[in-house]
């Protein structure tokens, strides 16, 4: 059985890795809060990709740039 302190350290590590990505997504979400469509379209795209934890920040940024390019073309 895994000790509680190991579990909390692991959770802390996961959170530390996730935080910049969550901040990035939150920033984008707040920027496109004027457009409900943007929020609905972007959330499943981010969560569907094996979760944010395994996705590199550069990839997230690339996805967001692509998304905004598509959005601006409408």
PDB file of N, CA and C in Angstrom:
ATOM      1  N   UNK A   1       0.837  -1.196   0.000  1.00  0.00           N
ATOM      2  CA  UNK A   1       0.000   0.000   0.000  1.00  0.00           C
ATOM      3  C   UNK A   1       0.877   1.253   0.000  1.00  0.00           C
ATOM      4  N   UNK A   2       0.438   2.277  -0.700  1.00  0.00           N
ATOM      5  CA  UNK A   2       1.220   3.506  -0.818  1.00  0.00           C
ATOM      6  C   UNK A   2       0.963   4.391   0.392  1.00  0.00           C
ATOM      7  N   UNK A   3       2.043   4.924   0.954  1.00  0.00           N
ATOM      8  CA  UNK A   3       1.890   5.762   2.141  1.00  0.00           C
ATOM      9  C   UNK A   3       1.203   7.079   1.789  1.00  0.00           C
ATOM     10  N   UNK A   4       0.561   7.651   2.796  1.00  0.00           N
ATOM     11  CA  UNK A   4      -0.191   8.889   2.591  1.00  0.00           C
ATOM     12  C   UNK A   4       0.731  10.045   2.189  1.00  0.00           C
ATOM     13  N   UNK A   5       1.927  10.096   2.790  1.00  0.00           N
ATOM     14  CA  UNK A   5       2.833  11.202   2.471  1.00  0.00           C
ATOM     15  C   UNK A   5       3.311  11.105   1.027  1.00  0.00           C
ATOM     16  N   UNK A   6       3.517   9.854   0.553  1.00  0.00           N
ATOM     17  CA  UNK A   6       3.914   9.683  -0.847  1.00  0.00           C
ATOM     18  C   UNK A   6       2.798  10.161  -1.764  1.00  0.00           C
ATOM     19  N   UNK A   7       1.566   9.791  -1.416  1.00  0.00           N
ATOM     20  CA  UNK A   7       0.418  10.198  -2.230  1.00  0.00           C
ATOM     21  C   UNK A   7       0.307  11.716  -2.306  1.00  0.00           C
ATOM     22  N   UNK A   8       0.476  12.385  -1.156  1.00  0.00           N
ATOM     23  CA  UNK A   8       0.331  13.841  -1.167  1.00  0.00           C
ATOM     24  C   UNK A   8       1.491  14.497  -1.910  1.00  0.00           C
ATOM     25  N   UNK A   9       2.700  13.918  -1.802  1.00  0.00           N
ATOM     26  CA  UNK A   9       3.838  14.464  -2.548  1.00  0.00           C
ATOM     27  C   UNK A   9       3.603  14.302  -4.043  1.00  0.00           C
ATOM     28  N   UNK A  10       3.066  13.138  -4.423  1.00  0.00           N
ATOM     29  CA  UNK A  10       2.782  12.879  -5.835  1.00  0.00           C
ATOM     30  C   UNK A  10       1.725  13.864  -6.343  1.00  0.00           C
ATOM     31  N   UNK A  11       0.681  14.050  -5.553  1.00  0.00           N
ATOM     32  CA  UNK A  11      -0.385  14.985  -5.933  1.00  0.00           C
ATOM     33  C   UNK A  11       0.174  16.399  -6.074  1.00  0.00           C
ATOM     34  N   UNK A  12       1.086  16.756  -5.166  1.00  0.00           N
ATOM     35  CA  UNK A  12       1.714  18.076  -5.211  1.00  0.00           C
ATOM     36  C   UNK A  12       2.529  18.239  -6.492  1.00  0.00           C
ATOM     37  N   UNK A  13       3.263  17.186  -6.853  1.00  0.00           N
ATOM     38  CA  UNK A  13       4.060  17.208  -8.078  1.00  0.00           C
ATOM     39  C   UNK A  13       3.187  17.363  -9.310  1.00  0.00           C
ATOM     40  N   UNK A  14       2.084  16.618  -9.321  1.00  0.00           N
ATOM     41  CA  UNK A  14       1.150  16.697 -10.444  1.00  0.00           C
ATOM     42  C   UNK A  14       0.581  18.109 -10.541  1.00  0.00           C
ATOM     43  N   UNK A  15       0.200  18.671  -9.392  1.00  0.00           N
ATOM     44  CA  UNK A  15      -0.354  20.023  -9.387  1.00  0.00           C
ATOM     45  C   UNK A  15       0.672  21.039  -9.869  1.00  0.00           C
ATOM     46  N   UNK A  16       1.921  20.857  -9.442  1.00  0.00           N
ATOM     47  CA  UNK A  16       2.976  21.789  -9.833  1.00  0.00           C
ATOM     48  C   UNK A  16       3.187  21.764 -11.347  1.00  0.00           C
ATOM     49  N   UNK A  17       3.081  20.555 -11.933  1.00  0.00           N
ATOM     50  CA  UNK A  17       3.223  20.441 -13.390  1.00  0.00           C
ATOM     51  C   UNK A  17       1.999  21.002 -14.108  1.00  0.00           C
ATOM     52  N   UNK A  18       0.834  20.834 -13.493  1.00  0.00           N
ATOM     53  CA  UNK A  18      -0.411  21.253 -14.139  1.00  0.00           C
ATOM     54  C   UNK A  18      -0.664  22.749 -14.051  1.00  0.00           C
ATOM     55  N   UNK A  19      -0.158  23.373 -12.989  1.00  0.00           N
ATOM     56  CA  UNK A  19      -0.502  24.768 -12.714  1.00  0.00           C
ATOM     57  C   UNK A  19      -0.262  25.726 -13.877  1.00  0.00           C
ATOM     58  N   UNK A  20       0.935  25.710 -14.510  1.00  0.00           N
ATOM     59  CA  UNK A  20       1.130  26.637 -15.632  1.00  0.00           C
ATOM     60  C   UNK A  20       0.143  26.380 -16.767  1.00  0.00           C
ATOM     61  N   UNK A  21      -0.191  25.115 -16.978  1.00  0.00           N
ATOM     62  CA  UNK A  21      -1.121  24.765 -18.052  1.00  0.00           C
ATOM     63  C   UNK A  21      -2.525  25.239 -17.702  1.00  0.00           C
ATOM     64  N   UNK A  22      -2.900  25.048 -16.441  1.00  0.00           N
ATOM     65  CA  UNK A  22      -4.219  25.498 -15.998  1.00  0.00           C
ATOM     66  C   UNK A  22      -4.302  27.020 -16.104  1.00  0.00           C
ATOM     67  N   UNK A  23      -3.208  27.699 -15.704  1.00  0.00           N
ATOM     68  CA  UNK A  23      -3.178  29.162 -15.797  1.00  0.00           C
ATOM     69  C   UNK A  23      -3.331  29.623 -17.236  1.00  0.00           C
ATOM     70  N   UNK A  24      -2.649  28.925 -18.139  1.00  0.00           N
ATOM     71  CA  UNK A  24      -2.729  29.259 -19.565  1.00  0.00           C
ATOM     72  C   UNK A  24      -4.161  29.119 -20.067  1.00  0.00           C
ATOM     73  N   UNK A  25      -4.779  27.995 -19.716  1.00  0.00           N
ATOM     74  CA  UNK A  25      -6.155  27.743 -20.150  1.00  0.00           C
ATOM     75  C   UNK A  25      -7.095  28.780 -19.538  1.00  0.00           C
ATOM     76  N   UNK A  26      -6.871  29.088 -18.247  1.00  0.00           N
ATOM     77  CA  UNK A  26      -7.724  30.062 -17.566  1.00  0.00           C
ATOM     78  C   UNK A  26      -7.612  31.432 -18.230  1.00  0.00           C
ATOM     79  N   UNK A  27      -6.379  31.790 -18.616  1.00  0.00           N
ATOM     80  CA  UNK A  27      -6.158  33.081 -19.273  1.00  0.00           C
ATOM     81  C   UNK A  27      -6.917  33.126 -20.602  1.00  0.00           C
ATOM     82  N   UNK A  28      -6.806  32.025 -21.341  1.00  0.00           N
ATOM     83  CA  UNK A  28      -7.487  31.956 -22.632  1.00  0.00           C
ATOM     84  C   UNK A  28      -8.997  31.999 -22.433  1.00  0.00           C
ATOM     85  N   UNK A  29      -9.468  31.244 -21.436  1.00  0.00           N
ATOM     86  CA  UNK A  29     -10.901  31.207 -21.161  1.00  0.00           C
ATOM     87  C   UNK A  29     -11.414  32.610 -20.839  1.00  0.00           C
ATOM     88  N   UNK A  30     -10.650  33.361 -20.029  1.00  0.00           N
ATOM     89  CA  UNK A  30     -11.106  34.697 -19.660  1.00  0.00           C
ATOM     90  C   UNK A  30     -11.085  35.622 -20.872  1.00  0.00           C
ATOM     91  N   UNK A  31     -10.117  35.391 -21.765  1.00  0.00           N
ATOM     92  CA  UNK A  31     -10.048  36.215 -22.971  1.00  0.00           C
ATOM     93  C   UNK A  31     -11.230  35.940 -23.892  1.00  0.00           C
ATOM     94  N   UNK A  32     -11.665  34.680 -23.938  1.00  0.00           N
ATOM     95  CA  UNK A  32     -12.783  34.391 -24.843  1.00  0.00           C
ATOM     96  C   UNK A  32     -14.087  34.224 -24.081  1.00  0.00           C
ATOM     97  N   UNK A  33     -14.165  34.791 -22.864  1.00  0.00           N
ATOM     98  CA  UNK A  33     -15.411  34.690 -22.110  1.00  0.00           C
ATOM     99  C   UNK A  33     -16.521  35.489 -22.792  1.00  0.00           C
ATOM    100  N   UNK A  34     -16.121  36.437 -23.648  1.00  0.00           N
ATOM    101  CA  UNK A  34     -17.125  37.192 -24.404  1.00  0.00           C
ATOM    102  C   UNK A  34     -17.830  36.270 -25.394  1.00  0.00           C
ATOM    103  N   UNK A  35     -17.134  35.209 -25.781  1.00  0.00           N
ATOM    104  CA  UNK A  35     -17.730  34.282 -26.735  1.00  0.00           C
ATOM    105  C   UNK A  35     -17.965  32.934 -26.071  1.00  0.00           C
ATOM    106  N   UNK A  36     -19.213  32.645 -25.763  1.00  0.00           N
ATOM    107  CA  UNK A  36     -19.547  31.372 -25.113  1.00  0.00           C
ATOM    108  C   UNK A  36     -19.145  30.205 -25.999  1.00  0.00           C
ATOM    109  N   UNK A  37     -19.279  30.384 -27.295  1.00  0.00           N
ATOM    110  CA  UNK A  37     -18.929  29.343 -28.261  1.00  0.00           C
ATOM    111  C   UNK A  37     -17.476  28.925 -28.089  1.00  0.00           C
ATOM    112  N   UNK A  38     -16.599  29.908 -27.913  1.00  0.00           N
ATOM    113  CA  UNK A  38     -15.175  29.625 -27.770  1.00  0.00           C
ATOM    114  C   UNK A  38     -14.930  28.726 -26.565  1.00  0.00           C
ATOM    115  N   UNK A  39     -15.561  29.048 -25.444  1.00  0.00           N
ATOM    116  CA  UNK A  39     -15.381  28.248 -24.229  1.00  0.00           C
ATOM    117  C   UNK A  39     -15.864  26.821 -24.438  1.00  0.00           C
ATOM    118  N   UNK A  40     -17.020  26.680 -25.063  1.00  0.00           N
ATOM    119  CA  UNK A  40     -17.562  25.339 -25.278  1.00  0.00           C
ATOM    120  C   UNK A  40     -16.695  24.533 -26.228  1.00  0.00           C
ATOM    121  N   UNK A  41     -16.124  25.199 -27.218  1.00  0.00           N
ATOM    122  CA  UNK A  41     -15.336  24.487 -28.216  1.00  0.00           C
ATOM    123  C   UNK A  41     -13.960  24.122 -27.694  1.00  0.00           C
ATOM    124  N   UNK A  42     -13.404  24.951 -26.822  1.00  0.00           N
ATOM    125  CA  UNK A  42     -12.009  24.765 -26.428  1.00  0.00           C
ATOM    126  C   UNK A  42     -11.862  23.754 -25.284  1.00  0.00           C
ATOM    127  N   UNK A  43     -12.839  23.700 -24.377  1.00  0.00           N
ATOM    128  CA  UNK A  43     -12.705  22.828 -23.211  1.00  0.00           C
ATOM    129  C   UNK A  43     -12.606  21.351 -23.577  1.00  0.00           C
ATOM    130  N   UNK A  44     -13.511  20.813 -24.408  1.00  0.00           N
ATOM    131  CA  UNK A  44     -13.389  19.384 -24.744  1.00  0.00           C
ATOM    132  C   UNK A  44     -12.097  19.089 -25.494  1.00  0.00           C
ATOM    133  N   UNK A  45     -11.655  20.040 -26.317  1.00  0.00           N
ATOM    134  CA  UNK A  45     -10.427  19.824 -27.083  1.00  0.00           C
ATOM    135  C   UNK A  45      -9.247  19.626 -26.140  1.00  0.00           C
ATOM    136  N   UNK A  46      -9.205  20.407 -25.072  1.00  0.00           N
ATOM    137  CA  UNK A  46      -8.082  20.312 -24.138  1.00  0.00           C
ATOM    138  C   UNK A  46      -8.181  19.072 -23.260  1.00  0.00           C
ATOM    139  N   UNK A  47      -9.392  18.758 -22.797  1.00  0.00           N
ATOM    140  CA  UNK A  47      -9.523  17.630 -21.882  1.00  0.00           C
ATOM    141  C   UNK A  47      -9.454  16.296 -22.612  1.00  0.00           C
ATOM    142  N   UNK A  48      -9.777  16.300 -23.897  1.00  0.00           N
ATOM    143  CA  UNK A  48      -9.799  15.047 -24.646  1.00  0.00           C
ATOM    144  C   UNK A  48      -8.393  14.515 -24.921  1.00  0.00           C
ATOM    145  N   UNK A  49      -7.412  15.387 -24.949  1.00  0.00           N
ATOM    146  CA  UNK A  49      -6.060  14.975 -25.300  1.00  0.00           C
ATOM    147  C   UNK A  49      -5.317  14.365 -24.115  1.00  0.00           C
ATOM    148  N   UNK A  50      -5.733  13.186 -23.677  1.00  0.00           N
ATOM    149  CA  UNK A  50      -5.051  12.477 -22.593  1.00  0.00           C
ATOM    150  C   UNK A  50      -4.924  13.296 -21.325  1.00  0.00           C
ATOM    151  N   UNK A  51      -5.758  14.259 -21.170  1.00  0.00           N
ATOM    152  CA  UNK A  51      -5.662  15.136 -20.012  1.00  0.00           C
ATOM    153  C   UNK A  51      -4.519  16.125 -20.188  1.00  0.00           C
ATOM    154  N   UNK A  52      -4.615  17.233 -19.493  1.00  0.00           N
ATOM    155  CA  UNK A  52      -3.596  18.281 -19.623  1.00  0.00           C
ATOM    156  C   UNK A  52      -2.238  17.846 -19.106  1.00  0.00           C
ATOM    157  N   UNK A  53      -2.253  16.909 -18.148  1.00  0.00           N
ATOM    158  CA  UNK A  53      -1.016  16.537 -17.464  1.00  0.00           C
ATOM    159  C   UNK A  53       0.049  16.050 -18.431  1.00  0.00           C
ATOM    160  N   UNK A  54      -0.355  15.265 -19.430  1.00  0.00           N
ATOM    161  CA  UNK A  54       0.633  14.672 -20.331  1.00  0.00           C
ATOM    162  C   UNK A  54       0.938  15.564 -21.530  1.00  0.00           C
ATOM    163  N   UNK A  55       0.180  16.654 -21.648  1.00  0.00           N
ATOM    164  CA  UNK A  55       0.357  17.498 -22.829  1.00  0.00           C
ATOM    165  C   UNK A  55       1.346  18.629 -22.565  1.00  0.00           C
ATOM    166  N   UNK A  56       2.354  18.754 -23.431  1.00  0.00           N
ATOM    167  CA  UNK A  56       3.314  19.845 -23.248  1.00  0.00           C
ATOM    168  C   UNK A  56       2.673  21.212 -23.495  1.00  0.00           C
ATOM    169  N   UNK A  57       3.162  22.215 -22.782  1.00  0.00           N
ATOM    170  CA  UNK A  57       2.604  23.561 -22.890  1.00  0.00           C
ATOM    171  C   UNK A  57       2.660  24.077 -24.325  1.00  0.00           C
ATOM    172  N   UNK A  58       3.762  23.803 -25.020  1.00  0.00           N
ATOM    173  CA  UNK A  58       3.903  24.269 -26.413  1.00  0.00           C
ATOM    174  C   UNK A  58       2.756  23.733 -27.270  1.00  0.00           C
ATOM    175  N   UNK A  59       2.398  22.483 -27.025  1.00  0.00           N
ATOM    176  CA  UNK A  59       1.318  21.854 -27.795  1.00  0.00           C
ATOM    177  C   UNK A  59      -0.012  22.539 -27.500  1.00  0.00           C
ATOM    178  N   UNK A  60      -0.233  22.851 -26.222  1.00  0.00           N
ATOM    179  CA  UNK A  60      -1.464  23.547 -25.846  1.00  0.00           C
ATOM    180  C   UNK A  60      -1.510  24.906 -26.538  1.00  0.00           C
ATOM    181  N   UNK A  61      -0.370  25.618 -26.518  1.00  0.00           N
ATOM    182  CA  UNK A  61      -0.324  26.935 -27.148  1.00  0.00           C
ATOM    183  C   UNK A  61      -0.608  26.827 -28.641  1.00  0.00           C
ATOM    184  N   UNK A  62      -0.042  25.782 -29.262  1.00  0.00           N
ATOM    185  CA  UNK A  62      -0.249  25.580 -30.696  1.00  0.00           C
ATOM    186  C   UNK A  62      -1.734  25.317 -30.984  1.00  0.00           C
ATOM    187  N   UNK A  63      -2.350  24.479 -30.131  1.00  0.00           N
ATOM    188  CA  UNK A  63      -3.773  24.189 -30.299  1.00  0.00           C
ATOM    189  C   UNK A  63      -4.608  25.456 -30.167  1.00  0.00           C
ATOM    190  N   UNK A  64      -4.251  26.284 -29.167  1.00  0.00           N
ATOM    191  CA  UNK A  64      -5.005  27.508 -28.939  1.00  0.00           C
ATOM    192  C   UNK A  64      -4.840  28.474 -30.110  1.00  0.00           C
ATOM    193  N   UNK A  65      -3.616  28.579 -30.615  1.00  0.00           N
ATOM    194  CA  UNK A  65      -3.368  29.466 -31.753  1.00  0.00           C
ATOM    195  C   UNK A  65      -4.200  29.006 -32.960  1.00  0.00           C
ATOM    196  N   UNK A  66      -4.207  27.697 -33.191  1.00  0.00           N
ATOM    197  CA  UNK A  66      -4.979  27.119 -34.292  1.00  0.00           C
ATOM    198  C   UNK A  66      -6.467  27.425 -34.103  1.00  0.00           C
ATOM    199  N   UNK A  67      -6.913  27.256 -32.865  1.00  0.00           N
ATOM    200  CA  UNK A  67      -8.312  27.497 -32.536  1.00  0.00           C
ATOM    201  C   UNK A  67      -8.697  28.949 -32.814  1.00  0.00           C
ATOM    202  N   UNK A  68      -7.835  29.885 -32.377  1.00  0.00           N
ATOM    203  CA  UNK A  68      -8.141  31.302 -32.584  1.00  0.00           C
ATOM    204  C   UNK A  68      -8.063  31.685 -34.057  1.00  0.00           C
ATOM    205  N   UNK A  69      -7.178  31.025 -34.788  1.00  0.00           N
ATOM    206  CA  UNK A  69      -7.102  31.266 -36.231  1.00  0.00           C
ATOM    207  C   UNK A  69      -8.426  30.868 -36.877  1.00  0.00           C
ATOM    208  N   UNK A  70      -8.908  29.689 -36.505  1.00  0.00           N
ATOM    209  CA  UNK A  70     -10.196  29.227 -37.044  1.00  0.00           C
ATOM    210  C   UNK A  70     -11.324  30.171 -36.646  1.00  0.00           C
ATOM    211  N   UNK A  71     -11.277  30.630 -35.398  1.00  0.00           N
ATOM    212  CA  UNK A  71     -12.325  31.503 -34.879  1.00  0.00           C
ATOM    213  C   UNK A  71     -12.338  32.831 -35.631  1.00  0.00           C
ATOM    214  N   UNK A  72     -11.147  33.350 -35.933  1.00  0.00           N
ATOM    215  CA  UNK A  72     -11.073  34.653 -36.607  1.00  0.00           C
ATOM    216  C   UNK A  72     -11.484  34.555 -38.072  1.00  0.00           C
ATOM    217  N   UNK A  73     -11.444  33.336 -38.630  1.00  0.00           N
ATOM    218  CA  UNK A  73     -11.818  33.159 -40.032  1.00  0.00           C
ATOM    219  C   UNK A  73     -13.334  33.137 -40.224  1.00  0.00           C
ATOM    220  N   UNK A  74     -14.074  32.947 -39.135  1.00  0.00           N
ATOM    221  CA  UNK A  74     -15.537  32.853 -39.241  1.00  0.00           C
ATOM    222  C   UNK A  74     -16.166  34.189 -39.590  1.00  0.00           C
TER     223      UNK A  74
END
